[in-house]
């Protein structure tokens, strides 16, 4: 009986400790951003940040200006779209020409055989 009470007390004590140690996180509503609206306003007011902000906007615009390319055929290409020598992700130069950025060989077919 004493061992049962000890186990119960230990479990109770652990649960109490965890309930006090546990911090409840409250997330903002969707969409969530890296910065809060107050932080964004403070950044806008800081003139030293204006060049940084312009660079971020230029980077975002260049990403948005690129066309979205969706594969027209079977979708399993992602599983083998890597250099067989060093596993680096290939860089598409054209639809049929792919280059390994790490070691340099050019691959010309869907299964990444060297040209």
PDB file of N, CA and C in Angstrom:
ATOM      1  N   UNK A   1       0.816  -1.189   0.000  1.00  0.00           N
ATOM      2  CA  UNK A   1       0.000   0.000   0.000  1.00  0.00           C
ATOM      3  C   UNK A   1       0.860   1.253   0.000  1.00  0.00           C
ATOM      4  N   UNK A   2       1.971   1.199   0.743  1.00  0.00           N
ATOM      5  CA  UNK A   2       2.862   2.353   0.819  1.00  0.00           C
ATOM      6  C   UNK A   2       3.523   2.606  -0.533  1.00  0.00           C
ATOM      7  N   UNK A   3       3.904   1.545  -1.264  1.00  0.00           N
ATOM      8  CA  UNK A   3       4.519   1.690  -2.587  1.00  0.00           C
ATOM      9  C   UNK A   3       3.533   2.294  -3.574  1.00  0.00           C
ATOM     10  N   UNK A   4       2.275   1.896  -3.482  1.00  0.00           N
ATOM     11  CA  UNK A   4       1.240   2.428  -4.380  1.00  0.00           C
ATOM     12  C   UNK A   4       1.056   3.926  -4.132  1.00  0.00           C
ATOM     13  N   UNK A   5       1.013   4.321  -2.843  1.00  0.00           N
ATOM     14  CA  UNK A   5       0.873   5.729  -2.504  1.00  0.00           C
ATOM     15  C   UNK A   5       2.089   6.517  -2.989  1.00  0.00           C
ATOM     16  N   UNK A   6       3.289   5.948  -2.862  1.00  0.00           N
ATOM     17  CA  UNK A   6       4.514   6.614  -3.311  1.00  0.00           C
ATOM     18  C   UNK A   6       4.485   6.838  -4.813  1.00  0.00           C
ATOM     19  N   UNK A   7       4.057   5.823  -5.563  1.00  0.00           N
ATOM     20  CA  UNK A   7       3.962   5.962  -7.029  1.00  0.00           C
ATOM     21  C   UNK A   7       2.944   7.040  -7.396  1.00  0.00           C
ATOM     22  N   UNK A   8       1.789   7.017  -6.739  1.00  0.00           N
ATOM     23  CA  UNK A   8       0.760   8.014  -7.011  1.00  0.00           C
ATOM     24  C   UNK A   8       1.281   9.411  -6.703  1.00  0.00           C
ATOM     25  N   UNK A   9       1.927   9.581  -5.553  1.00  0.00           N
ATOM     26  CA  UNK A   9       2.459  10.885  -5.160  1.00  0.00           C
ATOM     27  C   UNK A   9       3.519  11.365  -6.149  1.00  0.00           C
ATOM     28  N   UNK A  10       4.383  10.444  -6.592  1.00  0.00           N
ATOM     29  CA  UNK A  10       5.422  10.799  -7.556  1.00  0.00           C
ATOM     30  C   UNK A  10       4.811  11.260  -8.874  1.00  0.00           C
ATOM     31  N   UNK A  11       3.821  10.548  -9.342  1.00  0.00           N
ATOM     32  CA  UNK A  11       3.144  10.924 -10.593  1.00  0.00           C
ATOM     33  C   UNK A  11       2.455  12.279 -10.428  1.00  0.00           C
ATOM     34  N   UNK A  12       1.804  12.485  -9.287  1.00  0.00           N
ATOM     35  CA  UNK A  12       1.147  13.756  -9.004  1.00  0.00           C
ATOM     36  C   UNK A  12       2.156  14.897  -8.963  1.00  0.00           C
ATOM     37  N   UNK A  13       3.263  14.686  -8.309  1.00  0.00           N
ATOM     38  CA  UNK A  13       4.297  15.708  -8.198  1.00  0.00           C
ATOM     39  C   UNK A  13       4.868  16.071  -9.569  1.00  0.00           C
ATOM     40  N   UNK A  14       5.144  15.065 -10.380  1.00  0.00           N
ATOM     41  CA  UNK A  14       5.668  15.302 -11.734  1.00  0.00           C
ATOM     42  C   UNK A  14       4.653  16.087 -12.565  1.00  0.00           C
ATOM     43  N   UNK A  15       3.395  15.723 -12.485  1.00  0.00           N
ATOM     44  CA  UNK A  15       2.382  16.432 -13.278  1.00  0.00           C
ATOM     45  C   UNK A  15       2.242  17.885 -12.829  1.00  0.00           C
ATOM     46  N   UNK A  16       2.333  18.144 -11.521  1.00  0.00           N
ATOM     47  CA  UNK A  16       2.263  19.515 -11.026  1.00  0.00           C
ATOM     48  C   UNK A  16       3.462  20.317 -11.511  1.00  0.00           C
ATOM     49  N   UNK A  17       4.647  19.717 -11.425  1.00  0.00           N
ATOM     50  CA  UNK A  17       5.848  20.414 -11.880  1.00  0.00           C
ATOM     51  C   UNK A  17       5.782  20.737 -13.366  1.00  0.00           C
ATOM     52  N   UNK A  18       5.322  19.775 -14.166  1.00  0.00           N
ATOM     53  CA  UNK A  18       5.222  20.023 -15.601  1.00  0.00           C
ATOM     54  C   UNK A  18       4.167  21.067 -15.927  1.00  0.00           C
ATOM     55  N   UNK A  19       3.087  21.107 -15.148  1.00  0.00           N
ATOM     56  CA  UNK A  19       2.057  22.104 -15.435  1.00  0.00           C
ATOM     57  C   UNK A  19       2.565  23.512 -15.165  1.00  0.00           C
ATOM     58  N   UNK A  20       3.428  23.679 -14.151  1.00  0.00           N
ATOM     59  CA  UNK A  20       4.001  25.000 -13.886  1.00  0.00           C
ATOM     60  C   UNK A  20       5.138  25.330 -14.835  1.00  0.00           C
ATOM     61  N   UNK A  21       5.881  24.315 -15.257  1.00  0.00           N
ATOM     62  CA  UNK A  21       7.016  24.560 -16.144  1.00  0.00           C
ATOM     63  C   UNK A  21       6.569  24.770 -17.586  1.00  0.00           C
ATOM     64  N   UNK A  22       5.409  24.257 -17.939  1.00  0.00           N
ATOM     65  CA  UNK A  22       4.916  24.350 -19.310  1.00  0.00           C
ATOM     66  C   UNK A  22       4.450  25.765 -19.599  1.00  0.00           C
ATOM     67  N   UNK A  23       4.971  26.345 -20.658  1.00  0.00           N
ATOM     68  CA  UNK A  23       4.570  27.690 -21.051  1.00  0.00           C
ATOM     69  C   UNK A  23       3.612  27.576 -22.226  1.00  0.00           C
ATOM     70  N   UNK A  24       2.496  28.231 -22.126  1.00  0.00           N
ATOM     71  CA  UNK A  24       1.523  28.198 -23.219  1.00  0.00           C
ATOM     72  C   UNK A  24       1.933  29.191 -24.289  1.00  0.00           C
ATOM     73  N   UNK A  25       2.077  28.696 -25.510  1.00  0.00           N
ATOM     74  CA  UNK A  25       2.418  29.548 -26.631  1.00  0.00           C
ATOM     75  C   UNK A  25       1.142  29.943 -27.342  1.00  0.00           C
ATOM     76  N   UNK A  26       1.037  31.203 -27.638  1.00  0.00           N
ATOM     77  CA  UNK A  26      -0.118  31.698 -28.370  1.00  0.00           C
ATOM     78  C   UNK A  26       0.390  32.208 -29.712  1.00  0.00           C
ATOM     79  N   UNK A  27      -0.077  31.565 -30.769  1.00  0.00           N
ATOM     80  CA  UNK A  27       0.337  31.953 -32.111  1.00  0.00           C
ATOM     81  C   UNK A  27      -0.638  32.975 -32.676  1.00  0.00           C
ATOM     82  N   UNK A  28      -0.116  33.853 -33.497  1.00  0.00           N
ATOM     83  CA  UNK A  28      -0.972  34.840 -34.146  1.00  0.00           C
ATOM     84  C   UNK A  28      -1.849  34.145 -35.184  1.00  0.00           C
ATOM     85  N   UNK A  29      -2.863  34.865 -35.632  1.00  0.00           N
ATOM     86  CA  UNK A  29      -3.752  34.300 -36.646  1.00  0.00           C
ATOM     87  C   UNK A  29      -3.031  34.214 -37.976  1.00  0.00           C
ATOM     88  N   UNK A  30      -3.540  33.374 -38.867  1.00  0.00           N
ATOM     89  CA  UNK A  30      -2.961  33.235 -40.204  1.00  0.00           C
ATOM     90  C   UNK A  30      -3.236  34.495 -40.996  1.00  0.00           C
ATOM     91  N   UNK A  31      -2.421  34.947 -41.891  1.00  0.00           N
ATOM     92  CA  UNK A  31      -1.093  34.384 -42.154  1.00  0.00           C
ATOM     93  C   UNK A  31      -0.097  34.851 -41.100  1.00  0.00           C
ATOM     94  N   UNK A  32       0.862  34.000 -40.810  1.00  0.00           N
ATOM     95  CA  UNK A  32       1.900  34.342 -39.844  1.00  0.00           C
ATOM     96  C   UNK A  32       3.111  34.869 -40.589  1.00  0.00           C
ATOM     97  N   UNK A  33       3.772  35.845 -40.010  1.00  0.00           N
ATOM     98  CA  UNK A  33       4.914  36.471 -40.643  1.00  0.00           C
ATOM     99  C   UNK A  33       6.137  36.369 -39.739  1.00  0.00           C
ATOM    100  N   UNK A  34       7.293  36.606 -40.335  1.00  0.00           N
ATOM    101  CA  UNK A  34       8.535  36.588 -39.580  1.00  0.00           C
ATOM    102  C   UNK A  34       8.582  37.727 -38.573  1.00  0.00           C
ATOM    103  N   UNK A  35       8.012  38.862 -38.937  1.00  0.00           N
ATOM    104  CA  UNK A  35       8.021  40.041 -38.080  1.00  0.00           C
ATOM    105  C   UNK A  35       6.594  40.415 -37.700  1.00  0.00           C
ATOM    106  N   UNK A  36       6.436  40.996 -36.530  1.00  0.00           N
ATOM    107  CA  UNK A  36       5.126  41.501 -36.133  1.00  0.00           C
ATOM    108  C   UNK A  36       4.891  42.844 -36.809  1.00  0.00           C
ATOM    109  N   UNK A  37       3.656  43.299 -36.786  1.00  0.00           N
ATOM    110  CA  UNK A  37       3.347  44.587 -37.418  1.00  0.00           C
ATOM    111  C   UNK A  37       4.076  45.732 -36.712  1.00  0.00           C
ATOM    112  N   UNK A  38       4.271  45.623 -35.408  1.00  0.00           N
ATOM    113  CA  UNK A  38       5.009  46.658 -34.670  1.00  0.00           C
ATOM    114  C   UNK A  38       6.471  46.676 -35.113  1.00  0.00           C
ATOM    115  N   UNK A  39       7.071  45.490 -35.267  1.00  0.00           N
ATOM    116  CA  UNK A  39       8.469  45.410 -35.725  1.00  0.00           C
ATOM    117  C   UNK A  39       8.613  45.972 -37.136  1.00  0.00           C
ATOM    118  N   UNK A  40       7.662  45.692 -37.992  1.00  0.00           N
ATOM    119  CA  UNK A  40       7.714  46.200 -39.369  1.00  0.00           C
ATOM    120  C   UNK A  40       7.642  47.725 -39.365  1.00  0.00           C
ATOM    121  N   UNK A  41       6.760  48.280 -38.551  1.00  0.00           N
ATOM    122  CA  UNK A  41       6.661  49.737 -38.471  1.00  0.00           C
ATOM    123  C   UNK A  41       7.952  50.349 -37.942  1.00  0.00           C
ATOM    124  N   UNK A  42       8.581  49.715 -36.959  1.00  0.00           N
ATOM    125  CA  UNK A  42       9.853  50.216 -36.423  1.00  0.00           C
ATOM    126  C   UNK A  42      10.963  50.152 -37.473  1.00  0.00           C
ATOM    127  N   UNK A  43      10.967  49.098 -38.264  1.00  0.00           N
ATOM    128  CA  UNK A  43      11.964  48.975 -39.328  1.00  0.00           C
ATOM    129  C   UNK A  43      11.754  50.070 -40.372  1.00  0.00           C
ATOM    130  N   UNK A  44      10.494  50.337 -40.712  1.00  0.00           N
ATOM    131  CA  UNK A  44      10.193  51.379 -41.693  1.00  0.00           C
ATOM    132  C   UNK A  44      10.654  52.754 -41.213  1.00  0.00           C
ATOM    133  N   UNK A  45      10.573  52.985 -39.916  1.00  0.00           N
ATOM    134  CA  UNK A  45      10.977  54.277 -39.356  1.00  0.00           C
ATOM    135  C   UNK A  45      12.491  54.433 -39.279  1.00  0.00           C
ATOM    136  N   UNK A  46      13.210  53.333 -39.273  1.00  0.00           N
ATOM    137  CA  UNK A  46      14.679  53.361 -39.152  1.00  0.00           C
ATOM    138  C   UNK A  46      15.288  53.595 -40.536  1.00  0.00           C
ATOM    139  N   UNK A  47      15.833  54.786 -40.761  1.00  0.00           N
ATOM    140  CA  UNK A  47      16.370  55.130 -42.081  1.00  0.00           C
ATOM    141  C   UNK A  47      17.563  54.263 -42.467  1.00  0.00           C
ATOM    142  N   UNK A  48      18.283  53.719 -41.499  1.00  0.00           N
ATOM    143  CA  UNK A  48      19.437  52.869 -41.824  1.00  0.00           C
ATOM    144  C   UNK A  48      18.989  51.534 -42.418  1.00  0.00           C
ATOM    145  N   UNK A  49      17.728  51.175 -42.250  1.00  0.00           N
ATOM    146  CA  UNK A  49      17.205  49.908 -42.775  1.00  0.00           C
ATOM    147  C   UNK A  49      16.637  50.036 -44.183  1.00  0.00           C
ATOM    148  N   UNK A  50      16.529  51.243 -44.718  1.00  0.00           N
ATOM    149  CA  UNK A  50      15.861  51.425 -46.003  1.00  0.00           C
ATOM    150  C   UNK A  50      16.582  50.700 -47.137  1.00  0.00           C
ATOM    151  N   UNK A  51      17.908  50.700 -47.150  1.00  0.00           N
ATOM    152  CA  UNK A  51      18.660  49.988 -48.196  1.00  0.00           C
ATOM    153  C   UNK A  51      18.420  48.485 -48.078  1.00  0.00           C
ATOM    154  N   UNK A  52      18.417  47.987 -46.857  1.00  0.00           N
ATOM    155  CA  UNK A  52      18.166  46.560 -46.625  1.00  0.00           C
ATOM    156  C   UNK A  52      16.770  46.167 -47.102  1.00  0.00           C
ATOM    157  N   UNK A  53      15.797  47.019 -46.815  1.00  0.00           N
ATOM    158  CA  UNK A  53      14.424  46.746 -47.244  1.00  0.00           C
ATOM    159  C   UNK A  53      14.335  46.732 -48.766  1.00  0.00           C
ATOM    160  N   UNK A  54      14.973  47.695 -49.424  1.00  0.00           N
ATOM    161  CA  UNK A  54      14.947  47.745 -50.886  1.00  0.00           C
ATOM    162  C   UNK A  54      15.592  46.498 -51.494  1.00  0.00           C
ATOM    163  N   UNK A  55      16.681  46.006 -50.899  1.00  0.00           N
ATOM    164  CA  UNK A  55      17.330  44.785 -51.387  1.00  0.00           C
ATOM    165  C   UNK A  55      16.420  43.572 -51.232  1.00  0.00           C
ATOM    166  N   UNK A  56      15.716  43.499 -50.125  1.00  0.00           N
ATOM    167  CA  UNK A  56      14.784  42.385 -49.917  1.00  0.00           C
ATOM    168  C   UNK A  56      13.654  42.441 -50.933  1.00  0.00           C
ATOM    169  N   UNK A  57      13.140  43.634 -51.200  1.00  0.00           N
ATOM    170  CA  UNK A  57      12.068  43.793 -52.187  1.00  0.00           C
ATOM    171  C   UNK A  57      12.559  43.401 -53.583  1.00  0.00           C
ATOM    172  N   UNK A  58      13.789  43.790 -53.937  1.00  0.00           N
ATOM    173  CA  UNK A  58      14.347  43.417 -55.249  1.00  0.00           C
ATOM    174  C   UNK A  58      14.489  41.906 -55.368  1.00  0.00           C
ATOM    175  N   UNK A  59      14.957  41.255 -54.301  1.00  0.00           N
ATOM    176  CA  UNK A  59      15.084  39.789 -54.323  1.00  0.00           C
ATOM    177  C   UNK A  59      13.716  39.138 -54.509  1.00  0.00           C
ATOM    178  N   UNK A  60      12.726  39.621 -53.787  1.00  0.00           N
ATOM    179  CA  UNK A  60      11.381  39.059 -53.897  1.00  0.00           C
ATOM    180  C   UNK A  60      10.813  39.275 -55.295  1.00  0.00           C
ATOM    181  N   UNK A  61      11.010  40.479 -55.851  1.00  0.00           N
ATOM    182  CA  UNK A  61      10.517  40.766 -57.198  1.00  0.00           C
ATOM    183  C   UNK A  61      11.171  39.878 -58.244  1.00  0.00           C
ATOM    184  N   UNK A  62      12.482  39.618 -58.097  1.00  0.00           N
ATOM    185  CA  UNK A  62      13.157  38.762 -59.080  1.00  0.00           C
ATOM    186  C   UNK A  62      12.642  37.332 -59.001  1.00  0.00           C
ATOM    187  N   UNK A  63      12.295  36.871 -57.824  1.00  0.00           N
ATOM    188  CA  UNK A  63      11.723  35.528 -57.676  1.00  0.00           C
ATOM    189  C   UNK A  63      10.341  35.477 -58.317  1.00  0.00           C
ATOM    190  N   UNK A  64       9.547  36.513 -58.089  1.00  0.00           N
ATOM    191  CA  UNK A  64       8.191  36.548 -58.647  1.00  0.00           C
ATOM    192  C   UNK A  64       8.189  36.719 -60.157  1.00  0.00           C
ATOM    193  N   UNK A  65       9.235  37.348 -60.711  1.00  0.00           N
ATOM    194  CA  UNK A  65       9.316  37.554 -62.159  1.00  0.00           C
ATOM    195  C   UNK A  65       9.661  36.281 -62.923  1.00  0.00           C
ATOM    196  N   UNK A  66      10.253  35.295 -62.249  1.00  0.00           N
ATOM    197  CA  UNK A  66      10.622  34.049 -62.928  1.00  0.00           C
ATOM    198  C   UNK A  66       9.358  33.242 -63.210  1.00  0.00           C
ATOM    199  N   UNK A  67       9.302  32.620 -64.393  1.00  0.00           N
ATOM    200  CA  UNK A  67       8.111  31.820 -64.699  1.00  0.00           C
ATOM    201  C   UNK A  67       8.081  30.544 -63.865  1.00  0.00           C
ATOM    202  N   UNK A  68       6.888  30.086 -63.597  1.00  0.00           N
ATOM    203  CA  UNK A  68       6.701  28.842 -62.861  1.00  0.00           C
ATOM    204  C   UNK A  68       6.730  27.692 -63.854  1.00  0.00           C
ATOM    205  N   UNK A  69       7.671  26.789 -63.671  1.00  0.00           N
ATOM    206  CA  UNK A  69       7.784  25.644 -64.579  1.00  0.00           C
ATOM    207  C   UNK A  69       7.238  24.404 -63.892  1.00  0.00           C
ATOM    208  N   UNK A  70       6.233  23.819 -64.489  1.00  0.00           N
ATOM    209  CA  UNK A  70       5.610  22.617 -63.962  1.00  0.00           C
ATOM    210  C   UNK A  70       5.916  21.476 -64.927  1.00  0.00           C
ATOM    211  N   UNK A  71       6.378  20.321 -64.431  1.00  0.00           N
ATOM    212  CA  UNK A  71       6.669  19.193 -65.318  1.00  0.00           C
ATOM    213  C   UNK A  71       5.420  18.796 -66.110  1.00  0.00           C
ATOM    214  N   UNK A  72       5.610  18.502 -67.382  1.00  0.00           N
ATOM    215  CA  UNK A  72       4.496  18.127 -68.239  1.00  0.00           C
ATOM    216  C   UNK A  72       4.283  16.619 -68.278  1.00  0.00           C
ATOM    217  N   UNK A  73       5.282  15.865 -67.854  1.00  0.00           N
ATOM    218  CA  UNK A  73       5.175  14.403 -67.900  1.00  0.00           C
ATOM    219  C   UNK A  73       5.125  13.856 -66.486  1.00  0.00           C
ATOM    220  N   UNK A  74       5.466  12.587 -66.342  1.00  0.00           N
ATOM    221  CA  UNK A  74       5.407  11.923 -65.059  1.00  0.00           C
ATOM    222  C   UNK A  74       6.143  12.722 -63.992  1.00  0.00           C
ATOM    223  N   UNK A  75       5.690  12.620 -62.762  1.00  0.00           N
ATOM    224  CA  UNK A  75       6.221  13.451 -61.703  1.00  0.00           C
ATOM    225  C   UNK A  75       7.280  12.824 -60.824  1.00  0.00           C
ATOM    226  N   UNK A  76       7.876  11.715 -61.221  1.00  0.00           N
ATOM    227  CA  UNK A  76       8.858  11.089 -60.337  1.00  0.00           C
ATOM    228  C   UNK A  76      10.267  11.624 -60.518  1.00  0.00           C
ATOM    229  N   UNK A  77      10.436  12.646 -61.343  1.00  0.00           N
ATOM    230  CA  UNK A  77      11.773  13.191 -61.606  1.00  0.00           C
ATOM    231  C   UNK A  77      12.451  13.714 -60.359  1.00  0.00           C
ATOM    232  N   UNK A  78      11.709  14.169 -59.388  1.00  0.00           N
ATOM    233  CA  UNK A  78      12.325  14.775 -58.205  1.00  0.00           C
ATOM    234  C   UNK A  78      13.167  13.767 -57.428  1.00  0.00           C
ATOM    235  N   UNK A  79      12.841  12.492 -57.529  1.00  0.00           N
ATOM    236  CA  UNK A  79      13.546  11.481 -56.757  1.00  0.00           C
ATOM    237  C   UNK A  79      14.901  11.118 -57.344  1.00  0.00           C
ATOM    238  N   UNK A  80      15.131  11.426 -58.597  1.00  0.00           N
ATOM    239  CA  UNK A  80      16.441  11.127 -59.169  1.00  0.00           C
ATOM    240  C   UNK A  80      17.094  12.359 -59.768  1.00  0.00           C
ATOM    241  N   UNK A  81      16.642  13.537 -59.436  1.00  0.00           N
ATOM    242  CA  UNK A  81      17.193  14.764 -59.993  1.00  0.00           C
ATOM    243  C   UNK A  81      18.402  15.212 -59.178  1.00  0.00           C
ATOM    244  N   UNK A  82      19.405  14.350 -59.155  1.00  0.00           N
ATOM    245  CA  UNK A  82      20.631  14.624 -58.404  1.00  0.00           C
ATOM    246  C   UNK A  82      21.800  13.990 -59.140  1.00  0.00           C
ATOM    247  N   UNK A  83      22.977  14.559 -58.931  1.00  0.00           N
ATOM    248  CA  UNK A  83      24.186  14.020 -59.543  1.00  0.00           C
ATOM    249  C   UNK A  83      24.508  12.678 -58.896  1.00  0.00           C
ATOM    250  N   UNK A  84      24.704  11.626 -59.683  1.00  0.00           N
ATOM    251  CA  UNK A  84      24.999  10.326 -59.094  1.00  0.00           C
ATOM    252  C   UNK A  84      26.384  10.264 -58.438  1.00  0.00           C
ATOM    253  N   UNK A  85      27.250  11.224 -58.745  1.00  0.00           N
ATOM    254  CA  UNK A  85      28.600  11.215 -58.174  1.00  0.00           C
ATOM    255  C   UNK A  85      28.646  11.814 -56.774  1.00  0.00           C
ATOM    256  N   UNK A  86      27.920  12.935 -56.559  1.00  0.00           N
ATOM    257  CA  UNK A  86      28.019  13.606 -55.262  1.00  0.00           C
ATOM    258  C   UNK A  86      26.670  13.981 -54.646  1.00  0.00           C
ATOM    259  N   UNK A  87      25.571  13.524 -55.253  1.00  0.00           N
ATOM    260  CA  UNK A  87      24.209  13.765 -54.757  1.00  0.00           C
ATOM    261  C   UNK A  87      23.797  15.237 -54.718  1.00  0.00           C
ATOM    262  N   UNK A  88      24.504  16.104 -55.423  1.00  0.00           N
ATOM    263  CA  UNK A  88      24.119  17.511 -55.478  1.00  0.00           C
ATOM    264  C   UNK A  88      22.880  17.651 -56.364  1.00  0.00           C
ATOM    265  N   UNK A  89      21.984  18.550 -55.992  1.00  0.00           N
ATOM    266  CA  UNK A  89      20.803  18.803 -56.810  1.00  0.00           C
ATOM    267  C   UNK A  89      21.235  19.469 -58.111  1.00  0.00           C
ATOM    268  N   UNK A  90      20.752  18.926 -59.232  1.00  0.00           N
ATOM    269  CA  UNK A  90      21.137  19.455 -60.542  1.00  0.00           C
ATOM    270  C   UNK A  90      20.491  20.811 -60.780  1.00  0.00           C
ATOM    271  N   UNK A  91      21.131  21.604 -61.633  1.00  0.00           N
ATOM    272  CA  UNK A  91      20.611  22.920 -62.021  1.00  0.00           C
ATOM    273  C   UNK A  91      20.182  22.824 -63.481  1.00  0.00           C
ATOM    274  N   UNK A  92      18.921  23.128 -63.736  1.00  0.00           N
ATOM    275  CA  UNK A  92      18.397  23.046 -65.098  1.00  0.00           C
ATOM    276  C   UNK A  92      18.871  24.248 -65.897  1.00  0.00           C
ATOM    277  N   UNK A  93      19.607  23.970 -66.971  1.00  0.00           N
ATOM    278  CA  UNK A  93      20.025  25.030 -67.890  1.00  0.00           C
ATOM    279  C   UNK A  93      18.945  25.216 -68.945  1.00  0.00           C
ATOM    280  N   UNK A  94      18.431  24.110 -69.445  1.00  0.00           N
ATOM    281  CA  UNK A  94      17.268  24.087 -70.343  1.00  0.00           C
ATOM    282  C   UNK A  94      16.428  22.892 -69.909  1.00  0.00           C
ATOM    283  N   UNK A  95      15.346  22.615 -70.650  1.00  0.00           N
ATOM    284  CA  UNK A  95      14.514  21.464 -70.298  1.00  0.00           C
ATOM    285  C   UNK A  95      15.244  20.142 -70.482  1.00  0.00           C
ATOM    286  N   UNK A  96      16.238  20.117 -71.355  1.00  0.00           N
ATOM    287  CA  UNK A  96      16.932  18.856 -71.627  1.00  0.00           C
ATOM    288  C   UNK A  96      18.406  18.877 -71.220  1.00  0.00           C
ATOM    289  N   UNK A  97      18.873  19.933 -70.607  1.00  0.00           N
ATOM    290  CA  UNK A  97      20.294  20.044 -70.232  1.00  0.00           C
ATOM    291  C   UNK A  97      20.379  20.443 -68.761  1.00  0.00           C
ATOM    292  N   UNK A  98      21.001  19.566 -67.965  1.00  0.00           N
ATOM    293  CA  UNK A  98      21.077  19.763 -66.522  1.00  0.00           C
ATOM    294  C   UNK A  98      22.530  19.649 -66.078  1.00  0.00           C
ATOM    295  N   UNK A  99      22.959  20.565 -65.210  1.00  0.00           N
ATOM    296  CA  UNK A  99      24.364  20.636 -64.811  1.00  0.00           C
ATOM    297  C   UNK A  99      24.478  20.422 -63.304  1.00  0.00           C
ATOM    298  N   UNK A 100      25.508  19.666 -62.913  1.00  0.00           N
ATOM    299  CA  UNK A 100      25.802  19.510 -61.496  1.00  0.00           C
ATOM    300  C   UNK A 100      26.613  20.721 -61.045  1.00  0.00           C
ATOM    301  N   UNK A 101      26.105  21.509 -60.089  1.00  0.00           N
ATOM    302  CA  UNK A 101      26.837  22.693 -59.645  1.00  0.00           C
ATOM    303  C   UNK A 101      28.079  22.358 -58.820  1.00  0.00           C
ATOM    304  N   UNK A 102      28.165  21.132 -58.315  1.00  0.00           N
ATOM    305  CA  UNK A 102      29.296  20.758 -57.461  1.00  0.00           C
ATOM    306  C   UNK A 102      30.498  20.268 -58.265  1.00  0.00           C
ATOM    307  N   UNK A 103      30.252  19.342 -59.219  1.00  0.00           N
ATOM    308  CA  UNK A 103      31.400  18.757 -59.924  1.00  0.00           C
ATOM    309  C   UNK A 103      31.390  19.002 -61.433  1.00  0.00           C
ATOM    310  N   UNK A 104      30.297  19.602 -61.974  1.00  0.00           N
ATOM    311  CA  UNK A 104      30.309  20.093 -63.333  1.00  0.00           C
ATOM    312  C   UNK A 104      29.798  19.259 -64.483  1.00  0.00           C
ATOM    313  N   UNK A 105      29.543  17.943 -64.388  1.00  0.00           N
ATOM    314  CA  UNK A 105      29.076  17.224 -65.571  1.00  0.00           C
ATOM    315  C   UNK A 105      27.683  17.676 -66.025  1.00  0.00           C
ATOM    316  N   UNK A 106      27.425  17.485 -67.314  1.00  0.00           N
ATOM    317  CA  UNK A 106      26.151  17.866 -67.916  1.00  0.00           C
ATOM    318  C   UNK A 106      25.339  16.601 -68.132  1.00  0.00           C
ATOM    319  N   UNK A 107      24.082  16.632 -67.723  1.00  0.00           N
ATOM    320  CA  UNK A 107      23.170  15.505 -67.911  1.00  0.00           C
ATOM    321  C   UNK A 107      22.091  15.933 -68.889  1.00  0.00           C
ATOM    322  N   UNK A 108      21.739  15.030 -69.812  1.00  0.00           N
ATOM    323  CA  UNK A 108      20.820  15.400 -70.883  1.00  0.00           C
ATOM    324  C   UNK A 108      19.527  14.617 -70.917  1.00  0.00           C
ATOM    325  N   UNK A 109      19.354  13.604 -70.092  1.00  0.00           N
ATOM    326  CA  UNK A 109      18.077  12.902 -70.134  1.00  0.00           C
ATOM    327  C   UNK A 109      17.460  12.874 -68.744  1.00  0.00           C
ATOM    328  N   UNK A 110      16.234  12.407 -68.697  1.00  0.00           N
ATOM    329  CA  UNK A 110      15.475  12.439 -67.459  1.00  0.00           C
ATOM    330  C   UNK A 110      16.112  11.602 -66.356  1.00  0.00           C
ATOM    331  N   UNK A 111      16.814  10.575 -66.720  1.00  0.00           N
ATOM    332  CA  UNK A 111      17.427   9.701 -65.715  1.00  0.00           C
ATOM    333  C   UNK A 111      18.861  10.102 -65.385  1.00  0.00           C
ATOM    334  N   UNK A 112      19.270  11.295 -65.778  1.00  0.00           N
ATOM    335  CA  UNK A 112      20.554  11.880 -65.407  1.00  0.00           C
ATOM    336  C   UNK A 112      21.758  11.028 -65.822  1.00  0.00           C
ATOM    337  N   UNK A 113      21.763  10.587 -67.074  1.00  0.00           N
ATOM    338  CA  UNK A 113      22.961   9.909 -67.560  1.00  0.00           C
ATOM    339  C   UNK A 113      23.867  10.976 -68.193  1.00  0.00           C
ATOM    340  N   UNK A 114      25.165  10.848 -68.037  1.00  0.00           N
ATOM    341  CA  UNK A 114      26.082  11.882 -68.529  1.00  0.00           C
ATOM    342  C   UNK A 114      26.068  11.983 -70.027  1.00  0.00           C
ATOM    343  N   UNK A 115      26.282  13.202 -70.507  1.00  0.00           N
ATOM    344  CA  UNK A 115      26.328  13.457 -71.967  1.00  0.00           C
ATOM    345  C   UNK A 115      27.747  13.274 -72.466  1.00  0.00           C
TER     346      UNK A 115
END
